[in-house]
Amino acid sequence: MSYPEALKDRIPMEQMRNGMTAYYPPCHYCGAPVRSLTYNPSLKYACVACREIAVAQARAEKEVDKRSAKEKKLSTAVKRISKVADITPYQKGIEYVQKHLDIPYWFSSTEEIMVALELIRRGVKAYHQVKIFDYRVDFLLPDLKVALEVDGRICHGKDKEKTQLMRDEVICYKLGPSWQVIHIDTENINTNVTHLLKAIRGVMAYRERKIRTQEFT
């Protein structure tokens, strides 16, 4: 199909030594001839220089879209917190999140943003989206020795629970025996994120009591 259509569209051609035909359709952007071994009139050809520019523009637009989406999530996070607390003490956190929206993997959900704002308000030292082996931990809280995970869904079934348990064990192995992985589901965060630290400490206290009970049985 390439040859007759190229003739029809008056596309420059060249017979190569191996018997194949090279086609030179114009670049869609600058009009420069683009060497191709096939020709399809429905395609938009691009020279190397224009292709690089187009790819760069597409990436830039994608990053703008990502930031716009994160800005909407930040706005939603602020609205949800405002329903249960005075937003004024969260201004430092809001400014911090706005400044770091472009970092890959950071603040990918409204609930993660809410947790970040609450931790900053409380003055809790935290590291966001830390890679541990093949996993990423939502927040590391070194002073509490807690790896905090914001879960959008609850794991059901033995296989999923086993996979999550193995993941948590690997993370604790890397961080050290005194560390804990604590999962907070998004429903609790959205209900009242101001209870976050209370919930974390509650889980820690429960696990400590459980360990002590096992030691005496």
C-alpha atoms as a PDB file:
ATOM      1  CA  MET A   1       0.000   0.000   0.000  1.00  0.00           C
ATOM      2  CA  SER A   2       2.908   2.407   0.660  1.00  0.00           C
ATOM      3  CA  TYR A   3       4.137   2.815  -2.913  1.00  0.00           C
ATOM      4  CA  PRO A   4       0.864   3.665  -4.737  1.00  0.00           C
ATOM      5  CA  GLU A   5      -0.238   5.998  -1.962  1.00  0.00           C
ATOM      6  CA  ALA A   6       3.145   7.712  -1.954  1.00  0.00           C
ATOM      7  CA  LEU A   7       2.840   8.226  -5.716  1.00  0.00           C
ATOM      8  CA  LYS A   8      -0.627   9.641  -5.283  1.00  0.00           C
ATOM      9  CA  ASP A   9       0.510  12.045  -2.563  1.00  0.00           C
ATOM     10  CA  ARG A  10       3.708  12.917  -4.471  1.00  0.00           C
ATOM     11  CA  ILE A  11       5.957  11.766  -1.648  1.00  0.00           C
ATOM     12  CA  PRO A  12       9.674  11.702  -2.611  1.00  0.00           C
ATOM     13  CA  MET A  13      11.055   8.167  -2.808  1.00  0.00           C
ATOM     14  CA  GLU A  14      14.449   6.508  -3.127  1.00  0.00           C
ATOM     15  CA  GLN A  15      15.290   2.997  -4.318  1.00  0.00           C
ATOM     16  CA  MET A  16      17.846   1.462  -1.954  1.00  0.00           C
ATOM     17  CA  ARG A  17      20.535  -1.072  -2.842  1.00  0.00           C
ATOM     18  CA  ASN A  18      18.686  -3.884  -1.094  1.00  0.00           C
ATOM     19  CA  GLY A  19      15.681  -3.317  -3.320  1.00  0.00           C
ATOM     20  CA  MET A  20      13.555  -1.641  -0.680  1.00  0.00           C
ATOM     21  CA  THR A  21      12.062   1.813  -1.062  1.00  0.00           C
ATOM     22  CA  ALA A  22      12.735   4.715   1.269  1.00  0.00           C
ATOM     23  CA  TYR A  23      10.009   7.343   1.583  1.00  0.00           C
ATOM     24  CA  TYR A  24      10.462  10.983   2.560  1.00  0.00           C
ATOM     25  CA  PRO A  25       7.134  12.368   3.813  1.00  0.00           C
ATOM     26  CA  PRO A  26       7.233  15.911   5.239  1.00  0.00           C
ATOM     27  CA  CYS A  27       7.581  16.507   8.971  1.00  0.00           C
ATOM     28  CA  HIS A  28       4.179  17.389  10.403  1.00  0.00           C
ATOM     29  CA  TYR A  29       5.726  20.269  12.334  1.00  0.00           C
ATOM     30  CA  CYS A  30       8.494  21.843  10.226  1.00  0.00           C
ATOM     31  CA  GLY A  31       7.982  20.284   6.795  1.00  0.00           C
ATOM     32  CA  ALA A  32      11.478  18.785   6.564  1.00  0.00           C
ATOM     33  CA  PRO A  33      11.654  15.383   4.807  1.00  0.00           C
ATOM     34  CA  VAL A  34      11.513  12.418   7.176  1.00  0.00           C
ATOM     35  CA  ARG A  35      13.118   9.160   6.021  1.00  0.00           C
ATOM     36  CA  SER A  36      10.843   6.143   6.491  1.00  0.00           C
ATOM     37  CA  LEU A  37      10.741   2.575   5.115  1.00  0.00           C
ATOM     38  CA  THR A  38       6.944   2.737   4.914  1.00  0.00           C
ATOM     39  CA  TYR A  39       4.406   5.371   4.088  1.00  0.00           C
ATOM     40  CA  ASN A  40       0.944   5.764   5.543  1.00  0.00           C
ATOM     41  CA  PRO A  41      -0.999   8.933   4.636  1.00  0.00           C
ATOM     42  CA  SER A  42      -2.926   8.761   7.907  1.00  0.00           C
ATOM     43  CA  LEU A  43       0.234   9.075  10.022  1.00  0.00           C
ATOM     44  CA  LYS A  44       1.876  12.312  11.133  1.00  0.00           C
ATOM     45  CA  TYR A  45       5.623  12.074  10.611  1.00  0.00           C
ATOM     46  CA  ALA A  46       8.094  14.041  12.694  1.00  0.00           C
ATOM     47  CA  CYS A  47      11.800  14.688  12.223  1.00  0.00           C
ATOM     48  CA  VAL A  48      14.212  13.955  15.077  1.00  0.00           C
ATOM     49  CA  ALA A  49      14.415  17.561  16.275  1.00  0.00           C
ATOM     50  CA  CYS A  50      10.648  18.120  16.224  1.00  0.00           C
ATOM     51  CA  ARG A  51      10.017  14.751  17.861  1.00  0.00           C
ATOM     52  CA  GLU A  52      12.277  15.675  20.768  1.00  0.00           C
ATOM     53  CA  ILE A  53      10.466  18.984  21.189  1.00  0.00           C
ATOM     54  CA  ALA A  54       7.068  17.273  21.027  1.00  0.00           C
ATOM     55  CA  VAL A  55       8.103  14.669  23.611  1.00  0.00           C
ATOM     56  CA  ALA A  56       9.434  17.379  25.923  1.00  0.00           C
ATOM     57  CA  GLN A  57       6.207  19.364  25.595  1.00  0.00           C
ATOM     58  CA  ALA A  58       4.115  16.262  26.278  1.00  0.00           C
ATOM     59  CA  ARG A  59       6.120  15.535  29.413  1.00  0.00           C
ATOM     60  CA  ALA A  60       5.781  19.126  30.584  1.00  0.00           C
ATOM     61  CA  GLU A  61       2.011  19.027  30.022  1.00  0.00           C
ATOM     62  CA  LYS A  62       1.813  15.744  31.917  1.00  0.00           C
ATOM     63  CA  GLU A  63       3.649  17.262  34.872  1.00  0.00           C
ATOM     64  CA  VAL A  64       1.301  20.247  34.824  1.00  0.00           C
ATOM     65  CA  ASP A  65      -1.677  17.872  34.843  1.00  0.00           C
ATOM     66  CA  LYS A  66      -0.187  15.938  37.763  1.00  0.00           C
ATOM     67  CA  ARG A  67       0.374  19.113  39.758  1.00  0.00           C
ATOM     68  CA  SER A  68      -3.140  20.327  38.968  1.00  0.00           C
ATOM     69  CA  ALA A  69      -4.556  17.021  40.219  1.00  0.00           C
ATOM     70  CA  LYS A  70      -2.496  17.242  43.421  1.00  0.00           C
ATOM     71  CA  GLU A  71      -3.582  20.845  43.961  1.00  0.00           C
ATOM     72  CA  LYS A  72      -7.210  19.682  43.802  1.00  0.00           C
ATOM     73  CA  LYS A  73      -6.445  16.964  46.369  1.00  0.00           C
ATOM     74  CA  LEU A  74      -4.807  19.544  48.630  1.00  0.00           C
ATOM     75  CA  SER A  75      -7.887  21.752  48.340  1.00  0.00           C
ATOM     76  CA  THR A  76     -10.096  18.771  49.212  1.00  0.00           C
ATOM     77  CA  ALA A  77      -7.866  17.896  52.175  1.00  0.00           C
ATOM     78  CA  VAL A  78      -8.145  21.439  53.526  1.00  0.00           C
ATOM     79  CA  LYS A  79     -11.945  21.361  53.188  1.00  0.00           C
ATOM     80  CA  ARG A  80     -12.221  18.052  55.028  1.00  0.00           C
ATOM     81  CA  ILE A  81     -10.000  19.208  57.876  1.00  0.00           C
ATOM     82  CA  SER A  82     -11.916  22.483  58.103  1.00  0.00           C
ATOM     83  CA  LYS A  83     -15.072  20.512  58.924  1.00  0.00           C
ATOM     84  CA  VAL A  84     -13.557  19.149  62.145  1.00  0.00           C
ATOM     85  CA  ALA A  85     -10.909  21.703  63.163  1.00  0.00           C
ATOM     86  CA  ASP A  86      -9.669  25.257  62.820  1.00  0.00           C
ATOM     87  CA  ILE A  87      -7.533  25.310  59.670  1.00  0.00           C
ATOM     88  CA  THR A  88      -5.311  28.169  60.869  1.00  0.00           C
ATOM     89  CA  PRO A  89      -2.713  25.947  62.643  1.00  0.00           C
ATOM     90  CA  TYR A  90      -2.343  23.962  59.422  1.00  0.00           C
ATOM     91  CA  GLN A  91      -1.052  26.880  57.319  1.00  0.00           C
ATOM     92  CA  LYS A  92       2.603  25.886  57.713  1.00  0.00           C
ATOM     93  CA  GLY A  93       1.772  22.400  56.511  1.00  0.00           C
ATOM     94  CA  ILE A  94      -0.285  23.689  53.596  1.00  0.00           C
ATOM     95  CA  GLU A  95       2.615  25.843  52.429  1.00  0.00           C
ATOM     96  CA  TYR A  96       4.991  22.890  52.741  1.00  0.00           C
ATOM     97  CA  VAL A  97       2.754  20.589  50.708  1.00  0.00           C
ATOM     98  CA  GLN A  98       2.255  23.241  48.004  1.00  0.00           C
ATOM     99  CA  LYS A  99       6.021  23.652  47.735  1.00  0.00           C
ATOM    100  CA  HIS A 100       6.628  19.913  47.282  1.00  0.00           C
ATOM    101  CA  LEU A 101       3.748  18.845  45.033  1.00  0.00           C
ATOM    102  CA  ASP A 102       6.074  18.205  42.101  1.00  0.00           C
ATOM    103  CA  ILE A 103       8.103  15.505  43.863  1.00  0.00           C
ATOM    104  CA  PRO A 104       7.353  12.077  42.315  1.00  0.00           C
ATOM    105  CA  TYR A 105       5.215   9.756  44.485  1.00  0.00           C
ATOM    106  CA  TRP A 106       4.575  12.458  47.094  1.00  0.00           C
ATOM    107  CA  PHE A 107       1.032  13.429  48.108  1.00  0.00           C
ATOM    108  CA  SER A 108      -0.664  11.051  45.678  1.00  0.00           C
ATOM    109  CA  SER A 109      -3.926  10.952  47.643  1.00  0.00           C
ATOM    110  CA  THR A 110      -6.067  13.386  49.607  1.00  0.00           C
ATOM    111  CA  GLU A 111      -5.648  11.239  52.720  1.00  0.00           C
ATOM    112  CA  GLU A 112      -1.849  11.304  52.479  1.00  0.00           C
ATOM    113  CA  ILE A 113      -2.007  15.078  52.313  1.00  0.00           C
ATOM    114  CA  MET A 114      -4.289  15.172  55.355  1.00  0.00           C
ATOM    115  CA  VAL A 115      -1.868  12.990  57.305  1.00  0.00           C
ATOM    116  CA  ALA A 116       1.080  15.176  56.275  1.00  0.00           C
ATOM    117  CA  LEU A 117      -0.758  18.325  57.373  1.00  0.00           C
ATOM    118  CA  GLU A 118      -1.640  16.788  60.730  1.00  0.00           C
ATOM    119  CA  LEU A 119       1.904  15.565  61.373  1.00  0.00           C
ATOM    120  CA  ILE A 120       3.333  18.985  60.538  1.00  0.00           C
ATOM    121  CA  ARG A 121       0.780  20.704  62.764  1.00  0.00           C
ATOM    122  CA  ARG A 122       1.733  18.390  65.617  1.00  0.00           C
ATOM    123  CA  GLY A 123       5.447  18.941  65.036  1.00  0.00           C
ATOM    124  CA  VAL A 124       6.079  15.264  64.354  1.00  0.00           C
ATOM    125  CA  LYS A 125       9.256  14.543  62.391  1.00  0.00           C
ATOM    126  CA  ALA A 126       8.337  12.504  59.324  1.00  0.00           C
ATOM    127  CA  TYR A 127       9.754  11.287  56.028  1.00  0.00           C
ATOM    128  CA  HIS A 128       7.360  10.790  53.137  1.00  0.00           C
ATOM    129  CA  GLN A 129       7.381   7.980  50.555  1.00  0.00           C
ATOM    130  CA  VAL A 130      10.535   6.227  51.714  1.00  0.00           C
ATOM    131  CA  LYS A 131      11.698   3.316  49.577  1.00  0.00           C
ATOM    132  CA  ILE A 132      12.610   0.163  51.501  1.00  0.00           C
ATOM    133  CA  PHE A 133      13.783  -2.646  49.279  1.00  0.00           C
ATOM    134  CA  ASP A 134      10.998  -3.003  46.681  1.00  0.00           C
ATOM    135  CA  TYR A 135       8.402  -1.255  48.847  1.00  0.00           C
ATOM    136  CA  ARG A 136       7.464   2.344  49.548  1.00  0.00           C
ATOM    137  CA  VAL A 137       6.385   3.439  53.005  1.00  0.00           C
ATOM    138  CA  ASP A 138       3.956   6.357  53.150  1.00  0.00           C
ATOM    139  CA  PHE A 139       5.490   7.942  56.260  1.00  0.00           C
ATOM    140  CA  LEU A 140       8.412   7.116  58.526  1.00  0.00           C
ATOM    141  CA  LEU A 141       8.149   8.618  62.011  1.00  0.00           C
ATOM    142  CA  PRO A 142      11.647   8.131  63.510  1.00  0.00           C
ATOM    143  CA  ASP A 143      10.873   9.534  66.964  1.00  0.00           C
ATOM    144  CA  LEU A 144       8.008   7.063  67.371  1.00  0.00           C
ATOM    145  CA  LYS A 145       9.800   4.316  65.415  1.00  0.00           C
ATOM    146  CA  VAL A 146       6.685   3.859  63.318  1.00  0.00           C
ATOM    147  CA  ALA A 147       6.243   3.177  59.619  1.00  0.00           C
ATOM    148  CA  LEU A 148       2.808   4.643  58.927  1.00  0.00           C
ATOM    149  CA  GLU A 149       0.772   3.315  56.031  1.00  0.00           C
ATOM    150  CA  VAL A 150      -2.326   5.064  54.712  1.00  0.00           C
ATOM    151  CA  ASP A 151      -4.537   2.278  53.388  1.00  0.00           C
ATOM    152  CA  GLY A 152      -7.284   2.938  50.880  1.00  0.00           C
ATOM    153  CA  ARG A 153      -8.674  -0.549  51.267  1.00  0.00           C
ATOM    154  CA  ILE A 154      -8.752  -3.248  53.881  1.00  0.00           C
ATOM    155  CA  CYS A 155      -7.111  -6.524  52.963  1.00  0.00           C
ATOM    156  CA  HIS A 156      -9.596  -9.409  52.938  1.00  0.00           C
ATOM    157  CA  GLY A 157      -8.674 -13.045  52.548  1.00  0.00           C
ATOM    158  CA  LYS A 158      -5.796 -15.075  53.911  1.00  0.00           C
ATOM    159  CA  ASP A 159      -3.587 -14.547  50.862  1.00  0.00           C
ATOM    160  CA  LYS A 160      -3.807 -10.750  50.991  1.00  0.00           C
ATOM    161  CA  GLU A 161      -3.328 -10.710  54.749  1.00  0.00           C
ATOM    162  CA  LYS A 162      -0.298 -12.978  54.396  1.00  0.00           C
ATOM    163  CA  THR A 163       1.177 -10.736  51.677  1.00  0.00           C
ATOM    164  CA  GLN A 164       0.689  -7.638  53.837  1.00  0.00           C
ATOM    165  CA  LEU A 165       2.190  -9.363  56.879  1.00  0.00           C
ATOM    166  CA  MET A 166       5.256 -10.421  54.881  1.00  0.00           C
ATOM    167  CA  ARG A 167       5.629  -6.882  53.559  1.00  0.00           C
ATOM    168  CA  ASP A 168       5.447  -5.438  57.074  1.00  0.00           C
ATOM    169  CA  GLU A 169       7.998  -7.959  58.349  1.00  0.00           C
ATOM    170  CA  VAL A 170      10.441  -7.052  55.578  1.00  0.00           C
ATOM    171  CA  ILE A 171      10.062  -3.349  56.385  1.00  0.00           C
ATOM    172  CA  CYS A 172      10.607  -3.929  60.109  1.00  0.00           C
ATOM    173  CA  TYR A 173      13.616  -6.136  59.363  1.00  0.00           C
ATOM    174  CA  LYS A 174      15.183  -3.279  57.427  1.00  0.00           C
ATOM    175  CA  LEU A 175      14.304  -0.578  59.956  1.00  0.00           C
ATOM    176  CA  GLY A 176      15.115  -2.574  63.083  1.00  0.00           C
ATOM    177  CA  PRO A 177      13.338  -4.735  65.706  1.00  0.00           C
ATOM    178  CA  SER A 178      12.054  -1.753  67.695  1.00  0.00           C
ATOM    179  CA  TRP A 179      10.082  -0.403  64.719  1.00  0.00           C
ATOM    180  CA  GLN A 180       6.412  -1.045  64.018  1.00  0.00           C
ATOM    181  CA  VAL A 181       4.297  -0.821  60.878  1.00  0.00           C
ATOM    182  CA  ILE A 182       0.921   0.734  61.605  1.00  0.00           C
ATOM    183  CA  HIS A 183      -1.899   0.863  59.076  1.00  0.00           C
ATOM    184  CA  ILE A 184      -4.515   3.621  59.278  1.00  0.00           C
ATOM    185  CA  ASP A 185      -7.427   3.279  56.874  1.00  0.00           C
ATOM    186  CA  THR A 186      -8.621   6.285  54.906  1.00  0.00           C
ATOM    187  CA  GLU A 187     -12.074   6.205  56.491  1.00  0.00           C
ATOM    188  CA  ASN A 188     -10.604   7.016  59.910  1.00  0.00           C
ATOM    189  CA  ILE A 189      -8.477   9.787  58.419  1.00  0.00           C
ATOM    190  CA  ASN A 190     -11.429  11.355  56.661  1.00  0.00           C
ATOM    191  CA  THR A 191     -13.649  11.039  59.739  1.00  0.00           C
ATOM    192  CA  ASN A 192     -11.312  13.060  61.955  1.00  0.00           C
ATOM    193  CA  VAL A 193      -7.617  13.287  61.157  1.00  0.00           C
ATOM    194  CA  THR A 194      -7.004  15.203  64.405  1.00  0.00           C
ATOM    195  CA  HIS A 195      -7.183  11.823  66.187  1.00  0.00           C
ATOM    196  CA  LEU A 196      -4.263  10.467  64.131  1.00  0.00           C
ATOM    197  CA  LEU A 197      -1.566  10.548  66.819  1.00  0.00           C
ATOM    198  CA  LYS A 198      -3.994   9.240  69.413  1.00  0.00           C
ATOM    199  CA  ALA A 199      -4.796   6.317  67.131  1.00  0.00           C
ATOM    200  CA  ILE A 200      -1.099   5.587  66.485  1.00  0.00           C
ATOM    201  CA  ARG A 201      -0.252   5.635  70.181  1.00  0.00           C
ATOM    202  CA  GLY A 202      -3.314   3.498  70.895  1.00  0.00           C
ATOM    203  CA  VAL A 203      -2.101   0.805  68.513  1.00  0.00           C
ATOM    204  CA  MET A 204       1.401   0.961  69.998  1.00  0.00           C
ATOM    205  CA  ALA A 205       0.047   0.607  73.556  1.00  0.00           C
ATOM    206  CA  TYR A 206      -2.212  -2.285  72.547  1.00  0.00           C
ATOM    207  CA  ARG A 207       0.665  -4.171  70.943  1.00  0.00           C
ATOM    208  CA  GLU A 208       2.875  -3.570  73.983  1.00  0.00           C
ATOM    209  CA  ARG A 209       0.188  -4.945  76.334  1.00  0.00           C
ATOM    210  CA  LYS A 210      -0.261  -7.942  74.025  1.00  0.00           C
ATOM    211  CA  ILE A 211       3.469  -8.699  74.106  1.00  0.00           C
ATOM    212  CA  ARG A 212       3.587  -8.435  77.886  1.00  0.00           C
ATOM    213  CA  THR A 213       0.592 -10.737  78.225  1.00  0.00           C
ATOM    214  CA  GLN A 214       2.261 -13.342  75.982  1.00  0.00           C
ATOM    215  CA  GLU A 215       5.444 -13.153  78.067  1.00  0.00           C
ATOM    216  CA  PHE A 216       3.568 -14.145  81.216  1.00  0.00           C
ATOM    217  CA  THR A 217       1.532 -16.973  79.692  1.00  0.00           C
END
